[in-house]
Amino acid sequence: ASGSIFSIPAMGWYRQAPGKQRGFVAIITRAGTTNYADSVKDRFTISR
């Protein structure tokens, strides 16, 4: 980020394949809690 991310409520990762809608992958809140799409939850890890 161009500046501090500390105060941003949440940061997320999304992905978009050709011809498809952009979809949710993972999110991490300011407090450090995380959530993942079912398709990636055991394989991907989001951190900040």
All heavy atoms as atom14 arrays in JSON, in Angstrom:
{
  "sequence": "ASGSIFSIPAMGWYRQAPGKQRGFVAIITRAGTTNYADSVKDRFTISR",
  "atom14_mask": [
    [1, 1, 1, 1, 1, 0, 0, 0, 0, 0, 0, 0, 0, 0],
    [1, 1, 1, 1, 1, 1, 0, 0, 0, 0, 0, 0, 0, 0],
    [1, 1, 1, 1, 0, 0, 0, 0, 0, 0, 0, 0, 0, 0],
    [1, 1, 1, 1, 1, 1, 0, 0, 0, 0, 0, 0, 0, 0],
    [1, 1, 1, 1, 1, 1, 1, 1, 0, 0, 0, 0, 0, 0],
    [1, 1, 1, 1, 1, 1, 1, 1, 1, 1, 1, 0, 0, 0],
    [1, 1, 1, 1, 1, 1, 0, 0, 0, 0, 0, 0, 0, 0],
    [1, 1, 1, 1, 1, 1, 1, 1, 0, 0, 0, 0, 0, 0],
    [1, 1, 1, 1, 1, 1, 1, 0, 0, 0, 0, 0, 0, 0],
    [1, 1, 1, 1, 1, 0, 0, 0, 0, 0, 0, 0, 0, 0],
    [1, 1, 1, 1, 1, 1, 1, 1, 0, 0, 0, 0, 0, 0],
    [1, 1, 1, 1, 0, 0, 0, 0, 0, 0, 0, 0, 0, 0],
    [1, 1, 1, 1, 1, 1, 1, 1, 1, 1, 1, 1, 1, 1],
    [1, 1, 1, 1, 1, 1, 1, 1, 1, 1, 1, 1, 0, 0],
    [1, 1, 1, 1, 1, 1, 1, 1, 1, 1, 1, 0, 0, 0],
    [1, 1, 1, 1, 1, 1, 1, 1, 1, 0, 0, 0, 0, 0],
    [1, 1, 1, 1, 1, 0, 0, 0, 0, 0, 0, 0, 0, 0],
    [1, 1, 1, 1, 1, 1, 1, 0, 0, 0, 0, 0, 0, 0],
    [1, 1, 1, 1, 0, 0, 0, 0, 0, 0, 0, 0, 0, 0],
    [1, 1, 1, 1, 1, 1, 1, 1, 1, 0, 0, 0, 0, 0],
    [1, 1, 1, 1, 1, 1, 1, 1, 1, 0, 0, 0, 0, 0],
    [1, 1, 1, 1, 1, 1, 1, 1, 1, 1, 1, 0, 0, 0],
    [1, 1, 1, 1, 0, 0, 0, 0, 0, 0, 0, 0, 0, 0],
    [1, 1, 1, 1, 1, 1, 1, 1, 1, 1, 1, 0, 0, 0],
    [1, 1, 1, 1, 1, 1, 1, 0, 0, 0, 0, 0, 0, 0],
    [1, 1, 1, 1, 1, 0, 0, 0, 0, 0, 0, 0, 0, 0],
    [1, 1, 1, 1, 1, 1, 1, 1, 0, 0, 0, 0, 0, 0],
    [1, 1, 1, 1, 1, 1, 1, 1, 0, 0, 0, 0, 0, 0],
    [1, 1, 1, 1, 1, 1, 1, 0, 0, 0, 0, 0, 0, 0],
    [1, 1, 1, 1, 1, 1, 1, 1, 1, 1, 1, 0, 0, 0],
    [1, 1, 1, 1, 1, 0, 0, 0, 0, 0, 0, 0, 0, 0],
    [1, 1, 1, 1, 0, 0, 0, 0, 0, 0, 0, 0, 0, 0],
    [1, 1, 1, 1, 1, 1, 1, 0, 0, 0, 0, 0, 0, 0],
    [1, 1, 1, 1, 1, 1, 1, 0, 0, 0, 0, 0, 0, 0],
    [1, 1, 1, 1, 1, 1, 1, 1, 0, 0, 0, 0, 0, 0],
    [1, 1, 1, 1, 1, 1, 1, 1, 1, 1, 1, 1, 0, 0],
    [1, 1, 1, 1, 1, 0, 0, 0, 0, 0, 0, 0, 0, 0],
    [1, 1, 1, 1, 1, 1, 1, 1, 0, 0, 0, 0, 0, 0],
    [1, 1, 1, 1, 1, 1, 0, 0, 0, 0, 0, 0, 0, 0],
    [1, 1, 1, 1, 1, 1, 1, 0, 0, 0, 0, 0, 0, 0],
    [1, 1, 1, 1, 1, 1, 1, 1, 1, 0, 0, 0, 0, 0],
    [1, 1, 1, 1, 1, 1, 1, 1, 0, 0, 0, 0, 0, 0],
    [1, 1, 1, 1, 1, 1, 1, 1, 1, 1, 1, 0, 0, 0],
    [1, 1, 1, 1, 1, 1, 1, 1, 1, 1, 1, 0, 0, 0],
    [1, 1, 1, 1, 1, 1, 1, 0, 0, 0, 0, 0, 0, 0],
    [1, 1, 1, 1, 1, 1, 1, 1, 0, 0, 0, 0, 0, 0],
    [1, 1, 1, 1, 1, 1, 0, 0, 0, 0, 0, 0, 0, 0],
    [1, 1, 1, 1, 1, 1, 1, 1, 1, 1, 1, 0, 0, 0]
  ],
  "atom14_positions": [
    [[0.82, -1.2, 0.0], [0.0, 0.0, 0.0], [0.86, 1.25, 0.0], [2.01, 1.24, 0.44], [-0.93, 0.01, 1.21], [0.0, 0.0, 0.0], [0.0, 0.0, 0.0], [0.0, 0.0, 0.0], [0.0, 0.0, 0.0], [0.0, 0.0, 0.0], [0.0, 0.0, 0.0], [0.0, 0.0, 0.0], [0.0, 0.0, 0.0], [0.0, 0.0, 0.0]],
    [[0.28, 2.33, -0.49], [0.99, 3.6, -0.56], [1.21, 4.21, 0.81], [2.07, 5.08, 0.97], [0.22, 4.58, -1.44], [-1.09, 4.8, -0.95], [0.0, 0.0, 0.0], [0.0, 0.0, 0.0], [0.0, 0.0, 0.0], [0.0, 0.0, 0.0], [0.0, 0.0, 0.0], [0.0, 0.0, 0.0], [0.0, 0.0, 0.0], [0.0, 0.0, 0.0]],
    [[0.44, 3.79, 1.78], [0.57, 4.27, 3.14], [0.33, 3.14, 4.12], [0.27, 1.98, 3.74], [0.0, 0.0, 0.0], [0.0, 0.0, 0.0], [0.0, 0.0, 0.0], [0.0, 0.0, 0.0], [0.0, 0.0, 0.0], [0.0, 0.0, 0.0], [0.0, 0.0, 0.0], [0.0, 0.0, 0.0], [0.0, 0.0, 0.0], [0.0, 0.0, 0.0]],
    [[0.19, 3.51, 5.37], [-0.05, 2.52, 6.41], [-1.36, 1.78, 6.19], [-2.36, 2.37, 5.79], [-0.07, 3.2, 7.78], [-0.41, 2.28, 8.8], [0.0, 0.0, 0.0], [0.0, 0.0, 0.0], [0.0, 0.0, 0.0], [0.0, 0.0, 0.0], [0.0, 0.0, 0.0], [0.0, 0.0, 0.0], [0.0, 0.0, 0.0], [0.0, 0.0, 0.0]],
    [[-1.34, 0.49, 6.45], [-2.57, -0.31, 6.35], [-3.14, -0.59, 7.72], [-4.17, -1.27, 7.84], [-2.32, -1.64, 5.62], [-1.33, -2.51, 6.4], [-1.84, -1.4, 4.21], [-1.19, -3.92, 5.85], [0.0, 0.0, 0.0], [0.0, 0.0, 0.0], [0.0, 0.0, 0.0], [0.0, 0.0, 0.0], [0.0, 0.0, 0.0], [0.0, 0.0, 0.0]],
    [[-2.5, -0.07, 8.76], [-2.91, -0.38, 10.12], [-4.36, -0.01, 10.38], [-5.08, -0.76, 11.05], [-2.0, 0.34, 11.11], [-2.38, 0.11, 12.55], [-2.06, -1.08, 13.18], [-3.07, 1.07, 13.26], [-2.41, -1.31, 14.5], [-3.42, 0.86, 14.59], [-3.09, -0.33, 15.21], [0.0, 0.0, 0.0], [0.0, 0.0, 0.0], [0.0, 0.0, 0.0]],
    [[-4.8, 1.13, 9.87], [-6.13, 1.62, 10.17], [-7.19, 1.15, 9.17], [-8.37, 1.46, 9.35], [-6.13, 3.15, 10.23], [-5.74, 3.72, 8.99], [0.0, 0.0, 0.0], [0.0, 0.0, 0.0], [0.0, 0.0, 0.0], [0.0, 0.0, 0.0], [0.0, 0.0, 0.0], [0.0, 0.0, 0.0], [0.0, 0.0, 0.0], [0.0, 0.0, 0.0]],
    [[-6.8, 0.44, 8.15], [-7.76, -0.07, 7.18], [-8.52, -1.24, 7.8], [-7.89, -2.2, 8.26], [-7.07, -0.5, 5.88], [-6.33, 0.68, 5.26], [-8.09, -1.07, 4.89], [-5.54, 0.33, 4.02], [0.0, 0.0, 0.0], [0.0, 0.0, 0.0], [0.0, 0.0, 0.0], [0.0, 0.0, 0.0], [0.0, 0.0, 0.0], [0.0, 0.0, 0.0]],
    [[-9.84, -1.17, 7.85], [-10.62, -2.2, 8.54], [-10.31, -3.63, 8.11], [-10.24, -4.53, 8.94], [-12.07, -1.82, 8.22], [-12.01, -0.33, 8.04], [-10.7, -0.1, 7.33], [0.0, 0.0, 0.0], [0.0, 0.0, 0.0], [0.0, 0.0, 0.0], [0.0, 0.0, 0.0], [0.0, 0.0, 0.0], [0.0, 0.0, 0.0], [0.0, 0.0, 0.0]],
    [[-10.14, -3.83, 6.81], [-9.84, -5.16, 6.32], [-9.13, -5.09, 4.98], [-9.32, -4.15, 4.21], [-11.12, -6.0, 6.2], [0.0, 0.0, 0.0], [0.0, 0.0, 0.0], [0.0, 0.0, 0.0], [0.0, 0.0, 0.0], [0.0, 0.0, 0.0], [0.0, 0.0, 0.0], [0.0, 0.0, 0.0], [0.0, 0.0, 0.0], [0.0, 0.0, 0.0]],
    [[-8.31, -6.08, 4.72], [-7.65, -6.22, 3.43], [-8.02, -7.58, 2.87], [-8.1, -8.56, 3.6], [-6.14, -6.12, 3.58], [-5.64, -4.81, 4.16], [-5.86, -3.41, 3.02], [-4.76, -3.89, 1.68], [0.0, 0.0, 0.0], [0.0, 0.0, 0.0], [0.0, 0.0, 0.0], [0.0, 0.0, 0.0], [0.0, 0.0, 0.0], [0.0, 0.0, 0.0]],
    [[-8.23, -7.61, 1.58], [-8.66, -8.86, 0.98], [-7.95, -9.17, -0.32], [-7.33, -8.3, -0.95], [0.0, 0.0, 0.0], [0.0, 0.0, 0.0], [0.0, 0.0, 0.0], [0.0, 0.0, 0.0], [0.0, 0.0, 0.0], [0.0, 0.0, 0.0], [0.0, 0.0, 0.0], [0.0, 0.0, 0.0], [0.0, 0.0, 0.0], [0.0, 0.0, 0.0]],
    [[-8.02, -10.43, -0.69], [-7.55, -10.9, -1.98], [-8.73, -11.46, -2.75], [-9.53, -12.21, -2.19], [-6.48, -11.98, -1.84], [-5.13, -11.46, -1.46], [-4.57, -11.41, -0.23], [-4.14, -10.92, -2.35], [-3.31, -10.88, -0.28], [-3.02, -10.57, -1.57], [-4.1, -10.7, -3.73], [-1.87, -10.01, -2.13], [-2.96, -10.14, -4.27], [-1.86, -9.81, -3.48]],
    [[-8.82, -11.09, -4.0], [-9.84, -11.58, -4.9], [-9.17, -12.04, -6.17], [-8.04, -11.69, -6.44], [-10.87, -10.48, -5.22], [-11.68, -10.03, -4.02], [-11.11, -9.27, -3.02], [-13.03, -10.39, -3.91], [-11.85, -8.87, -1.91], [-13.77, -9.98, -2.82], [-13.18, -9.23, -1.83], [-13.93, -8.83, -0.74], [0.0, 0.0, 0.0], [0.0, 0.0, 0.0]],
    [[-9.87, -12.82, -6.95], [-9.3, -13.28, -8.21], [-10.36, -13.32, -9.29], [-11.53, -13.49, -9.02], [-8.62, -14.65, -8.05], [-9.56, -15.79, -7.71], [-8.75, -17.05, -7.45], [-9.6, -18.2, -7.13], [-9.14, -19.39, -6.77], [-7.83, -19.59, -6.68], [-9.99, -20.38, -6.51], [0.0, 0.0, 0.0], [0.0, 0.0, 0.0], [0.0, 0.0, 0.0]],
    [[-9.89, -13.19, -10.51], [-10.79, -13.19, -11.65], [-10.16, -13.93, -12.82], [-9.11, -13.54, -13.31], [-11.16, -11.76, -12.06], [-12.18, -11.68, -13.17], [-12.67, -10.26, -13.39], [-11.97, -9.3, -13.05], [-13.86, -10.12, -13.94], [0.0, 0.0, 0.0], [0.0, 0.0, 0.0], [0.0, 0.0, 0.0], [0.0, 0.0, 0.0], [0.0, 0.0, 0.0]],
    [[-10.81, -14.98, -13.25], [-10.39, -15.71, -14.42], [-11.1, -15.13, -15.64], [-12.16, -14.52, -15.51], [-10.73, -17.19, -14.27], [0.0, 0.0, 0.0], [0.0, 0.0, 0.0], [0.0, 0.0, 0.0], [0.0, 0.0, 0.0], [0.0, 0.0, 0.0], [0.0, 0.0, 0.0], [0.0, 0.0, 0.0], [0.0, 0.0, 0.0], [0.0, 0.0, 0.0]],
    [[-10.53, -15.29, -16.83], [-11.16, -14.75, -18.04], [-12.59, -15.24, -18.19], [-12.88, -16.43, -18.06], [-10.28, -15.29, -19.16], [-8.94, -15.45, -18.53], [-9.24, -15.93, -17.13], [0.0, 0.0, 0.0], [0.0, 0.0, 0.0], [0.0, 0.0, 0.0], [0.0, 0.0, 0.0], [0.0, 0.0, 0.0], [0.0, 0.0, 0.0], [0.0, 0.0, 0.0]],
    [[-13.5, -14.3, -18.45], [-14.89, -14.65, -18.65], [-15.67, -14.91, -17.39], [-16.85, -15.26, -17.46], [0.0, 0.0, 0.0], [0.0, 0.0, 0.0], [0.0, 0.0, 0.0], [0.0, 0.0, 0.0], [0.0, 0.0, 0.0], [0.0, 0.0, 0.0], [0.0, 0.0, 0.0], [0.0, 0.0, 0.0], [0.0, 0.0, 0.0], [0.0, 0.0, 0.0]],
    [[-15.04, -14.76, -16.24], [-15.72, -15.01, -14.97], [-15.78, -13.75, -14.13], [-15.04, -12.79, -14.35], [-15.02, -16.11, -14.19], [-15.07, -17.49, -14.84], [-14.47, -18.54, -13.93], [-14.59, -19.93, -14.52], [-14.0, -20.96, -13.61], [0.0, 0.0, 0.0], [0.0, 0.0, 0.0], [0.0, 0.0, 0.0], [0.0, 0.0, 0.0], [0.0, 0.0, 0.0]],
    [[-16.67, -13.78, -13.15], [-16.77, -12.68, -12.22], [-15.61, -12.71, -11.24], [-15.06, -13.77, -10.94], [-18.09, -12.76, -11.44], [-19.35, -12.6, -12.28], [-19.73, -11.16, -12.47], [-18.89, -10.31, -12.74], [-21.01, -10.87, -12.33], [0.0, 0.0, 0.0], [0.0, 0.0, 0.0], [0.0, 0.0, 0.0], [0.0, 0.0, 0.0], [0.0, 0.0, 0.0]],
    [[-15.25, -11.55, -10.76], [-14.22, -11.48, -9.74], [-14.77, -12.08, -8.46], [-15.87, -11.73, -8.01], [-13.79, -10.03, -9.52], [-12.57, -9.87, -8.64], [-12.1, -8.43, -8.62], [-11.75, -7.95, -9.95], [-11.25, -6.74, -10.19], [-11.04, -5.89, -9.21], [-10.96, -6.39, -11.44], [0.0, 0.0, 0.0], [0.0, 0.0, 0.0], [0.0, 0.0, 0.0]],
    [[-14.02, -12.98, -7.86], [-14.5, -13.69, -6.69], [-13.6, -13.54, -5.48], [-12.4, -13.29, -5.6], [0.0, 0.0, 0.0], [0.0, 0.0, 0.0], [0.0, 0.0, 0.0], [0.0, 0.0, 0.0], [0.0, 0.0, 0.0], [0.0, 0.0, 0.0], [0.0, 0.0, 0.0], [0.0, 0.0, 0.0], [0.0, 0.0, 0.0], [0.0, 0.0, 0.0]],
    [[-14.17, -13.72, -4.33], [-13.48, -13.61, -3.06], [-12.51, -14.77, -2.86], [-12.82, -15.92, -3.17], [-14.51, -13.59, -1.93], [-13.93, -13.75, -0.57], [-13.29, -12.7, 0.07], [-14.03, -14.96, 0.1], [-12.76, -12.85, 1.33], [-13.5, -15.13, 1.36], [-12.86, -14.06, 1.98], [0.0, 0.0, 0.0], [0.0, 0.0, 0.0], [0.0, 0.0, 0.0]],
    [[-11.35, -14.46, -2.32], [-10.36, -15.47, -2.0], [-10.08, -15.51, -0.51], [-10.18, -16.56, 0.13], [-9.04, -15.24, -2.77], [-7.97, -16.24, -2.32], [-9.27, -15.35, -4.26], [0.0, 0.0, 0.0], [0.0, 0.0, 0.0], [0.0, 0.0, 0.0], [0.0, 0.0, 0.0], [0.0, 0.0, 0.0], [0.0, 0.0, 0.0], [0.0, 0.0, 0.0]],
    [[-9.71, -14.37, 0.05], [-9.34, -14.33, 1.46], [-9.45, -12.91, 1.99], [-9.36, -11.95, 1.23], [-7.92, -14.86, 1.67], [0.0, 0.0, 0.0], [0.0, 0.0, 0.0], [0.0, 0.0, 0.0], [0.0, 0.0, 0.0], [0.0, 0.0, 0.0], [0.0, 0.0, 0.0], [0.0, 0.0, 0.0], [0.0, 0.0, 0.0], [0.0, 0.0, 0.0]],
    [[-9.61, -12.8, 3.29], [-9.69, -11.5, 3.93], [-8.99, -11.55, 5.27], [-8.98, -12.59, 5.94], [-11.16, -11.05, 4.11], [-11.25, -9.62, 4.62], [-11.9, -12.0, 5.05], [-12.67, -9.07, 4.64], [0.0, 0.0, 0.0], [0.0, 0.0, 0.0], [0.0, 0.0, 0.0], [0.0, 0.0, 0.0], [0.0, 0.0, 0.0], [0.0, 0.0, 0.0]],
    [[-8.38, -10.46, 5.65], [-7.8, -10.33, 6.98], [-8.21, -8.97, 7.53], [-8.09, -7.95, 6.86], [-6.26, -10.5, 6.96], [-5.71, -10.44, 8.38], [-5.6, -9.47, 6.06], [-4.26, -10.91, 8.48], [0.0, 0.0, 0.0], [0.0, 0.0, 0.0], [0.0, 0.0, 0.0], [0.0, 0.0, 0.0], [0.0, 0.0, 0.0], [0.0, 0.0, 0.0]],
    [[-8.72, -8.96, 8.74], [-9.17, -7.73, 9.36], [-8.03, -7.04, 10.07], [-6.93, -7.58, 10.23], [-10.3, -8.0, 10.36], [-9.76, -8.68, 11.51], [-11.39, -8.85, 9.75], [0.0, 0.0, 0.0], [0.0, 0.0, 0.0], [0.0, 0.0, 0.0], [0.0, 0.0, 0.0], [0.0, 0.0, 0.0], [0.0, 0.0, 0.0], [0.0, 0.0, 0.0]],
    [[-8.31, -5.83, 10.53], [-7.32, -5.08, 11.27], [-6.9, -5.82, 12.53], [-5.75, -5.71, 12.97], [-7.88, -3.7, 11.62], [-6.92, -2.77, 12.33], [-7.5, -1.37, 12.42], [-8.8, -1.37, 13.06], [-9.63, -0.33, 13.08], [-9.29, 0.8, 12.47], [-10.8, -0.43, 13.68], [0.0, 0.0, 0.0], [0.0, 0.0, 0.0], [0.0, 0.0, 0.0]],
    [[-7.82, -6.56, 13.1], [-7.55, -7.33, 14.3], [-6.8, -8.62, 14.03], [-6.37, -9.3, 14.96], [-8.84, -7.63, 15.05], [0.0, 0.0, 0.0], [0.0, 0.0, 0.0], [0.0, 0.0, 0.0], [0.0, 0.0, 0.0], [0.0, 0.0, 0.0], [0.0, 0.0, 0.0], [0.0, 0.0, 0.0], [0.0, 0.0, 0.0], [0.0, 0.0, 0.0]],
    [[-6.68, -8.98, 12.75], [-5.94, -10.17, 12.41], [-6.77, -11.41, 12.15], [-6.22, -12.48, 11.87], [0.0, 0.0, 0.0], [0.0, 0.0, 0.0], [0.0, 0.0, 0.0], [0.0, 0.0, 0.0], [0.0, 0.0, 0.0], [0.0, 0.0, 0.0], [0.0, 0.0, 0.0], [0.0, 0.0, 0.0], [0.0, 0.0, 0.0], [0.0, 0.0, 0.0]],
    [[-8.09, -11.28, 12.24], [-8.93, -12.43, 11.95], [-8.97, -12.65, 10.44], [-8.9, -11.71, 9.66], [-10.35, -12.24, 12.48], [-10.92, -11.04, 11.94], [-10.34, -12.15, 13.99], [0.0, 0.0, 0.0], [0.0, 0.0, 0.0], [0.0, 0.0, 0.0], [0.0, 0.0, 0.0], [0.0, 0.0, 0.0], [0.0, 0.0, 0.0], [0.0, 0.0, 0.0]],
    [[-9.09, -13.89, 10.04], [-9.06, -14.24, 8.63], [-10.24, -15.09, 8.23], [-10.87, -15.75, 9.06], [-7.77, -14.99, 8.27], [-7.7, -16.2, 9.05], [-6.54, -14.15, 8.57], [0.0, 0.0, 0.0], [0.0, 0.0, 0.0], [0.0, 0.0, 0.0], [0.0, 0.0, 0.0], [0.0, 0.0, 0.0], [0.0, 0.0, 0.0], [0.0, 0.0, 0.0]],
    [[-10.53, -15.07, 6.95], [-11.55, -15.92, 6.38], [-11.16, -16.24, 4.96], [-10.51, -15.42, 4.29], [-12.92, -15.25, 6.43], [-14.05, -16.22, 6.13], [-13.93, -17.42, 6.36], [-15.16, -15.7, 5.63], [0.0, 0.0, 0.0], [0.0, 0.0, 0.0], [0.0, 0.0, 0.0], [0.0, 0.0, 0.0], [0.0, 0.0, 0.0], [0.0, 0.0, 0.0]],
    [[-11.55, -17.42, 4.49], [-11.15, -17.87, 3.17], [-12.31, -18.46, 2.4], [-13.26, -18.99, 2.98], [-10.06, -18.95, 3.28], [-8.82, -18.51, 3.99], [-8.69, -18.64, 5.37], [-7.75, -17.97, 3.28], [-7.54, -18.24, 6.02], [-6.6, -17.57, 3.93], [-6.5, -17.71, 5.3], [-5.35, -17.31, 5.94], [0.0, 0.0, 0.0], [0.0, 0.0, 0.0]],
    [[-12.2, -18.38, 1.1], [-13.13, -19.11, 0.25], [-12.9, -20.6, 0.46], [-11.77, -21.03, 0.71], [-12.93, -18.74, -1.21], [0.0, 0.0, 0.0], [0.0, 0.0, 0.0], [0.0, 0.0, 0.0], [0.0, 0.0, 0.0], [0.0, 0.0, 0.0], [0.0, 0.0, 0.0], [0.0, 0.0, 0.0], [0.0, 0.0, 0.0], [0.0, 0.0, 0.0]],
    [[-13.96, -21.38, 0.36], [-13.84, -22.81, 0.59], [-12.82, -23.46, -0.34], [-12.13, -24.41, 0.05], [-15.2, -23.49, 0.4], [-16.17, -23.18, 1.52], [-15.72, -22.76, 2.61], [-17.38, -23.37, 1.32], [0.0, 0.0, 0.0], [0.0, 0.0, 0.0], [0.0, 0.0, 0.0], [0.0, 0.0, 0.0], [0.0, 0.0, 0.0], [0.0, 0.0, 0.0]],
    [[-12.69, -22.95, -1.53], [-11.81, -23.54, -2.51], [-10.32, -23.38, -2.19], [-9.49, -24.07, -2.77], [-12.09, -22.96, -3.9], [-11.91, -21.56, -3.9], [0.0, 0.0, 0.0], [0.0, 0.0, 0.0], [0.0, 0.0, 0.0], [0.0, 0.0, 0.0], [0.0, 0.0, 0.0], [0.0, 0.0, 0.0], [0.0, 0.0, 0.0], [0.0, 0.0, 0.0]],
    [[-10.01, -22.47, -1.26], [-8.6, -22.2, -0.96], [-8.25, -22.31, 0.51], [-7.07, -22.21, 0.86], [-8.18, -20.8, -1.46], [-8.54, -20.62, -2.93], [-8.81, -19.7, -0.62], [0.0, 0.0, 0.0], [0.0, 0.0, 0.0], [0.0, 0.0, 0.0], [0.0, 0.0, 0.0], [0.0, 0.0, 0.0], [0.0, 0.0, 0.0], [0.0, 0.0, 0.0]],
    [[-9.22, -22.52, 1.37], [-9.01, -22.35, 2.81], [-7.93, -23.25, 3.4], [-7.32, -22.9, 4.41], [-10.32, -22.53, 3.56], [-10.86, -23.95, 3.6], [-12.07, -24.03, 4.51], [-12.56, -25.45, 4.67], [-13.71, -25.54, 5.6], [0.0, 0.0, 0.0], [0.0, 0.0, 0.0], [0.0, 0.0, 0.0], [0.0, 0.0, 0.0], [0.0, 0.0, 0.0]],
    [[-7.69, -24.4, 2.83], [-6.68, -25.31, 3.34], [-5.35, -25.19, 2.59], [-4.4, -25.92, 2.89], [-7.16, -26.76, 3.26], [-8.35, -27.02, 4.18], [-8.38, -26.46, 5.28], [-9.24, -27.8, 3.78], [0.0, 0.0, 0.0], [0.0, 0.0, 0.0], [0.0, 0.0, 0.0], [0.0, 0.0, 0.0], [0.0, 0.0, 0.0], [0.0, 0.0, 0.0]],
    [[-5.29, -24.28, 1.64], [-4.09, -24.15, 0.82], [-3.48, -22.76, 0.84], [-2.27, -22.61, 0.69], [-4.42, -24.52, -0.64], [-4.92, -25.94, -0.81], [-5.15, -26.28, -2.28], [-6.2, -25.46, -2.86], [-6.02, -24.59, -3.86], [-4.81, -24.44, -4.4], [-7.04, -23.89, -4.35], [0.0, 0.0, 0.0], [0.0, 0.0, 0.0], [0.0, 0.0, 0.0]],
    [[-4.3, -21.74, 1.03], [-3.84, -20.36, 0.99], [-3.83, -19.77, 2.39], [-4.65, -20.13, 3.24], [-4.75, -19.5, 0.11], [-4.69, -19.8, -1.36], [-4.02, -20.91, -1.85], [-5.33, -18.95, -2.25], [-3.99, -21.17, -3.21], [-5.3, -19.2, -3.61], [-4.62, -20.32, -4.09], [0.0, 0.0, 0.0], [0.0, 0.0, 0.0], [0.0, 0.0, 0.0]],
    [[-2.92, -18.84, 2.62], [-2.84, -18.13, 3.88], [-2.66, -16.65, 3.63], [-1.73, -16.25, 2.93], [-1.68, -18.64, 4.75], [-1.83, -20.04, 5.0], [-1.66, -17.9, 6.09], [0.0, 0.0, 0.0], [0.0, 0.0, 0.0], [0.0, 0.0, 0.0], [0.0, 0.0, 0.0], [0.0, 0.0, 0.0], [0.0, 0.0, 0.0], [0.0, 0.0, 0.0]],
    [[-3.55, -15.86, 4.19], [-3.42, -14.41, 4.08], [-2.78, -13.88, 5.36], [-3.06, -14.37, 6.46], [-4.78, -13.74, 3.83], [-4.61, -12.24, 3.55], [-5.74, -13.97, 4.99], [-5.89, -11.55, 3.1], [0.0, 0.0, 0.0], [0.0, 0.0, 0.0], [0.0, 0.0, 0.0], [0.0, 0.0, 0.0], [0.0, 0.0, 0.0], [0.0, 0.0, 0.0]],
    [[-1.91, -12.92, 5.21], [-1.25, -12.32, 6.36], [-0.96, -10.86, 6.06], [-1.05, -10.43, 4.92], [0.04, -13.07, 6.71], [0.97, -13.01, 5.65], [0.0, 0.0, 0.0], [0.0, 0.0, 0.0], [0.0, 0.0, 0.0], [0.0, 0.0, 0.0], [0.0, 0.0, 0.0], [0.0, 0.0, 0.0], [0.0, 0.0, 0.0], [0.0, 0.0, 0.0]],
    [[-0.62, -10.13, 7.09], [-0.3, -8.72, 6.9], [0.9, -8.33, 7.73], [1.13, -8.87, 8.82], [-1.5, -7.84, 7.23], [-1.96, -7.89, 8.69], [-3.33, -7.25, 8.85], [-3.34, -5.84, 8.49], [-4.44, -5.13, 8.24], [-5.63, -5.72, 8.29], [-4.35, -3.85, 7.92], [0.0, 0.0, 0.0], [0.0, 0.0, 0.0], [0.0, 0.0, 0.0]]
  ]
}
